[in-house]
Protein backbone atom coordinates (compact mmCIF):
# COMPACT_ATOMS: atom_id res chain seq x y z
CA UNK A 1 13.77 -8.47 6.27
CA UNK A 2 13.54 -6.07 9.22
CA UNK A 3 12.37 -2.47 9.21
CA UNK A 4 16.00 -1.32 9.45
CA UNK A 5 16.73 -3.13 6.15
CA UNK A 6 13.91 -1.22 4.45
CA UNK A 7 15.26 2.03 5.87
CA UNK A 8 18.69 1.37 4.34
CA UNK A 9 17.19 0.31 1.00
CA UNK A 10 15.04 3.43 0.76
CA UNK A 11 18.00 5.66 1.60
CA UNK A 12 20.02 4.02 -1.18
CA UNK A 13 17.17 4.49 -3.64
CA UNK A 14 16.81 8.22 -3.05
CA UNK A 15 20.61 8.65 -2.99
CA UNK A 16 22.30 11.94 -3.83
CA UNK A 17 24.36 14.18 -1.58
CA UNK A 18 21.47 16.66 -1.37
CA UNK A 19 18.85 14.06 -0.46
CA UNK A 20 18.73 15.20 3.14
CA UNK A 21 15.89 12.96 4.30
CA UNK A 22 15.85 12.41 8.04
CA UNK A 23 15.26 9.07 9.69
CA UNK A 24 11.79 10.32 10.60
CA UNK A 25 11.09 11.24 6.97
CA UNK A 26 12.12 7.76 5.85
CA UNK A 27 10.01 6.07 8.53
CA UNK A 28 6.99 8.16 7.54
CA UNK A 29 7.49 7.26 3.86
CA UNK A 30 7.76 3.56 4.68
CA UNK A 31 4.59 3.86 6.75
CA UNK A 32 2.76 5.40 3.78
CA UNK A 33 4.08 2.66 1.50
CA UNK A 34 2.87 0.00 3.95
CA UNK A 35 -0.62 1.51 3.99
CA UNK A 36 -0.67 1.68 0.19
CA UNK A 37 0.56 -1.91 -0.17
CA UNK A 38 -1.92 -3.18 2.43
CA UNK A 39 -4.74 -1.62 0.41
CA UNK A 40 -3.47 -3.04 -2.88
CA UNK A 41 -2.35 -6.48 -1.66
CA UNK A 42 -3.81 -7.14 1.82
CA UNK A 43 -2.91 -10.16 3.92
CA UNK A 44 -5.49 -12.93 4.12
CA UNK A 45 -5.98 -14.40 7.60
CA UNK A 46 -8.13 -17.40 8.58
CA UNK A 47 -9.39 -17.62 12.14
CA UNK A 48 -12.14 -19.52 13.96
CA UNK A 49 -14.55 -17.65 16.19
CA UNK A 50 -17.28 -19.02 18.48
CA UNK A 51 -20.80 -17.62 18.92
CA UNK A 52 -21.29 -16.61 22.54
CA UNK A 53 -25.07 -16.91 22.41
CA UNK A 54 -27.51 -18.20 19.83
CA UNK A 55 -28.51 -15.66 17.22
CA UNK A 56 -27.25 -13.75 14.22
CA UNK A 57 -24.37 -11.85 15.86
CA UNK A 58 -20.95 -13.23 16.74
CA UNK A 59 -17.57 -11.88 17.90
CA UNK A 60 -14.90 -10.74 15.47
CA UNK A 61 -12.02 -13.19 14.97
CA UNK A 62 -8.62 -12.65 16.57
CA UNK A 63 -6.38 -10.44 14.45
CA UNK A 64 -9.24 -8.36 13.05
CA UNK A 65 -8.29 -4.74 12.21
CA UNK A 66 -10.40 -1.69 11.49
CA UNK A 67 -9.58 -1.94 7.77
CA UNK A 68 -10.33 -5.68 7.62
CA UNK A 69 -13.07 -7.11 5.40
CA UNK A 70 -14.84 -10.47 5.53
CA UNK A 71 -13.84 -12.62 2.56
CA UNK A 72 -15.75 -15.79 3.46
CA UNK A 73 -17.37 -17.63 6.38
CA UNK A 74 -17.55 -21.41 6.76
CA UNK A 75 -20.11 -23.19 8.94
CA UNK A 76 -20.15 -25.96 9.98
CA UNK A 77 -16.36 -26.28 9.74
CA UNK A 78 -14.89 -29.29 7.96
CA UNK A 79 -17.59 -30.31 5.52
CA UNK A 80 -16.61 -31.44 2.02
CA UNK A 81 -17.13 -29.45 -0.03
CA UNK A 82 -16.86 -26.55 2.43
CA UNK A 83 -20.18 -24.93 3.32
CA UNK A 84 -19.85 -21.18 2.84
CA UNK A 85 -22.47 -19.00 4.50
CA UNK A 86 -23.21 -15.29 3.97
CA UNK A 87 -21.57 -13.09 6.61
CA UNK A 88 -20.71 -9.43 6.98
CA UNK A 89 -19.98 -6.78 9.60
CA UNK A 90 -22.59 -5.03 11.71
CA UNK A 91 -21.63 -1.89 13.61
CA UNK A 92 -23.48 0.08 16.28
CA UNK A 93 -22.54 2.20 19.27
CA UNK A 94 -21.19 -0.90 20.98
CA UNK A 95 -18.70 -1.63 18.20
CA UNK A 96 -18.43 -4.09 15.32
CA UNK A 97 -19.56 -7.72 15.29
CA UNK A 98 -20.08 -10.46 12.72
CA UNK A 99 -23.59 -10.93 11.40
CA UNK A 100 -24.92 -13.95 9.49
CA UNK A 101 -28.10 -14.42 7.46
CA UNK A 102 -29.12 -17.48 9.48
CA UNK A 103 -29.29 -17.73 13.25
CA UNK A 104 -26.49 -19.90 14.71
CA UNK A 105 -26.53 -21.81 18.01
CA UNK A 106 -24.47 -20.81 21.03
CA UNK A 107 -20.85 -22.11 20.85
CA UNK A 108 -21.09 -22.48 17.05
CA UNK A 109 -17.58 -22.39 15.55
CA UNK A 110 -17.37 -20.28 12.39
CA UNK A 111 -14.21 -20.12 10.25
CA UNK A 112 -13.68 -16.59 8.97
CA UNK A 113 -11.37 -15.63 6.11
CA UNK A 114 -10.63 -11.91 6.16
CA UNK A 115 -8.23 -9.26 4.91
CA UNK A 116 -5.74 -7.52 7.19
CA UNK A 117 -2.99 -4.89 6.89
CA UNK A 118 0.63 -5.97 6.58
CA UNK A 119 3.09 -5.70 9.44
CA UNK A 120 6.62 -4.29 9.26
CA UNK A 121 8.74 -3.97 12.39
CA UNK A 122 12.20 -5.09 13.44
CA UNK A 123 10.59 -8.34 14.61
CA UNK A 124 7.93 -9.00 11.93
CA UNK A 125 7.65 -8.55 8.18
CA UNK A 126 4.61 -9.94 6.35
CA UNK A 127 5.50 -8.43 2.96
CA UNK A 128 6.27 -11.24 0.46
CA UNK A 129 9.89 -11.34 -0.69
CA UNK A 130 8.88 -10.66 -4.30
CA UNK A 131 7.29 -7.32 -3.32
CA UNK A 132 9.81 -5.96 -0.84
CA UNK A 133 11.67 -3.83 -3.37
CA UNK A 134 8.32 -2.56 -4.68
CA UNK A 135 7.32 -1.33 -1.22
CA UNK A 136 10.72 0.35 -0.79
CA UNK A 137 10.25 1.96 -4.22
CA UNK A 138 6.90 3.42 -3.19
CA UNK A 139 8.53 4.87 -0.08
CA UNK A 140 11.28 6.35 -2.29
CA UNK A 141 8.55 7.77 -4.54
CA UNK A 142 7.06 9.65 -1.57
CA UNK A 143 10.45 11.00 -0.48
CA UNK A 144 11.43 12.10 -4.00
CA UNK A 145 8.14 13.99 -4.26
CA UNK A 146 9.01 15.82 -1.06
CA UNK A 147 12.51 16.63 -2.33
CA UNK A 148 11.10 17.87 -5.64
CA UNK A 149 8.72 20.17 -3.78
CA UNK A 150 11.55 21.39 -1.55
CA UNK A 151 13.86 22.28 -4.45
CA UNK A 152 10.98 23.77 -6.41
CA UNK A 153 10.30 26.10 -3.50
CA UNK A 154 13.98 27.02 -3.25
CA UNK A 155 14.07 27.73 -7.00
CA UNK A 156 11.19 30.18 -6.70
CA UNK A 157 12.93 31.94 -3.82
CA UNK A 158 16.30 32.08 -5.60
CA UNK A 159 17.35 35.15 -7.58
CA UNK A 160 20.94 34.17 -8.40
CA UNK A 161 22.80 31.67 -10.57
CA UNK A 162 21.98 28.82 -8.20
CA UNK A 163 18.37 29.00 -9.39
CA UNK A 164 18.99 26.95 -12.54
CA UNK A 165 20.80 24.22 -10.59
CA UNK A 166 17.97 24.07 -8.06
CA UNK A 167 15.42 23.83 -10.87
CA UNK A 168 17.35 20.89 -12.35
CA UNK A 169 17.27 19.12 -8.98
CA UNK A 170 13.53 19.68 -8.68
CA UNK A 171 12.94 18.19 -12.14
CA UNK A 172 15.22 15.26 -11.39
CA UNK A 173 13.47 14.31 -8.17
CA UNK A 174 10.01 14.77 -9.73
CA UNK A 175 10.97 12.40 -12.55
CA UNK A 176 12.41 9.86 -10.12
CA UNK A 177 9.27 10.02 -7.99
CA UNK A 178 7.16 9.04 -11.01
CA UNK A 179 9.69 6.37 -11.96
CA UNK A 180 9.59 4.74 -8.53
CA UNK A 181 5.80 4.87 -8.52
CA UNK A 182 5.78 3.09 -11.90
CA UNK A 183 8.17 0.46 -10.52
CA UNK A 184 5.77 -0.19 -7.62
CA UNK A 185 2.66 -0.71 -9.74
CA UNK A 186 4.61 -2.62 -12.37
CA UNK A 187 5.86 -5.08 -9.75
CA UNK A 188 2.31 -5.60 -8.47
CA UNK A 189 0.92 -6.01 -11.98
CA UNK A 190 -1.70 -3.36 -11.28
CA UNK A 191 -2.61 -0.18 -13.17
CA UNK A 192 -1.75 3.07 -11.47
CA UNK A 193 -5.06 4.54 -10.17
CA UNK A 194 -3.72 8.04 -10.82
CA UNK A 195 -3.53 7.20 -14.53
CA UNK A 196 -7.01 5.71 -14.50
CA UNK A 197 -8.62 8.68 -12.74
CA UNK A 198 -6.89 11.13 -15.06
CA UNK A 199 -8.14 9.21 -18.11
CA UNK A 200 -4.67 8.18 -19.29
CA UNK A 201 -5.38 4.67 -20.54
CA UNK A 202 -3.86 2.50 -23.20
CA UNK A 203 -6.64 3.55 -25.55
CA UNK A 204 -5.73 7.22 -25.20
CA UNK A 205 -2.09 6.62 -26.04
CA UNK A 206 -0.69 6.66 -22.50
CA UNK A 207 0.90 3.62 -20.96
CA UNK A 208 -0.33 2.52 -17.51
CA UNK A 209 2.37 2.20 -14.88
CA UNK A 210 1.83 -1.56 -14.67
CA UNK A 211 3.36 -1.97 -18.12
CA UNK A 212 6.51 0.04 -17.38
CA UNK A 213 9.53 -2.22 -17.34
CA UNK A 214 12.37 0.29 -17.02
CA UNK A 215 14.19 0.93 -13.77
CA UNK A 216 15.55 4.18 -12.33
CA UNK A 217 18.60 5.44 -14.18
CA UNK A 218 17.61 4.09 -17.58
CA UNK A 219 16.46 6.41 -20.39
CA UNK A 220 12.71 6.76 -20.68
CA UNK A 221 10.24 8.71 -22.79
CA UNK A 222 8.98 12.03 -21.45
CA UNK A 223 6.82 11.50 -18.35
CA UNK A 224 3.33 12.98 -18.45
CA UNK A 225 1.94 14.97 -15.58
CA UNK A 226 -0.47 13.05 -13.36
CA UNK A 227 -2.13 13.27 -9.99
CA UNK A 228 -0.53 11.44 -7.09
CA UNK A 229 -2.13 9.82 -4.05
CA UNK A 230 -0.66 8.96 -0.64
């Protein structure tokens, strides 16, 4: 699924004749959704890297990104069961390198498992098929929030009969924004961090977004107010 397919899907999700989101707005929303999804469900890459000199410090593996984290390190490679050694990242003015607890010889091959952000371009898409609609829903959530804020501002500036219609649009887009956010976390099987930070847990009578099974357009109970991130 190419980036252009996500763009079309997001535009269909926000819908409405007054949903005047530009191509740039949609691209920005998809970018935010990709960052959010990469934090919630990062890719796992496995690469081998060789120590240049003996010691505790080695080069980062190919494909390493600023947001990457070491998940495991195997040395020597190929033993059964695999021999996992402690490894982490050391940073100084010269940049970031791998650091191990034990000194390794020059040319030592270390197999690193690490997290990495997802990619989404017209040539590459690393988002699993099962989560593609969820990512598009998070992008739609961001756009609907923007539309709700836009119509809310127009409502406050309006002094004529159009004010009530504008207020209805603002409420509609705000509700849809929360609905799409719930769809995202429900698809991932994760609780919405906004609900957790606001104290709205199952024990307090509120339902985390991960348990929401309804889709946009279906009747739902009144949505509670909550903080939003990204």
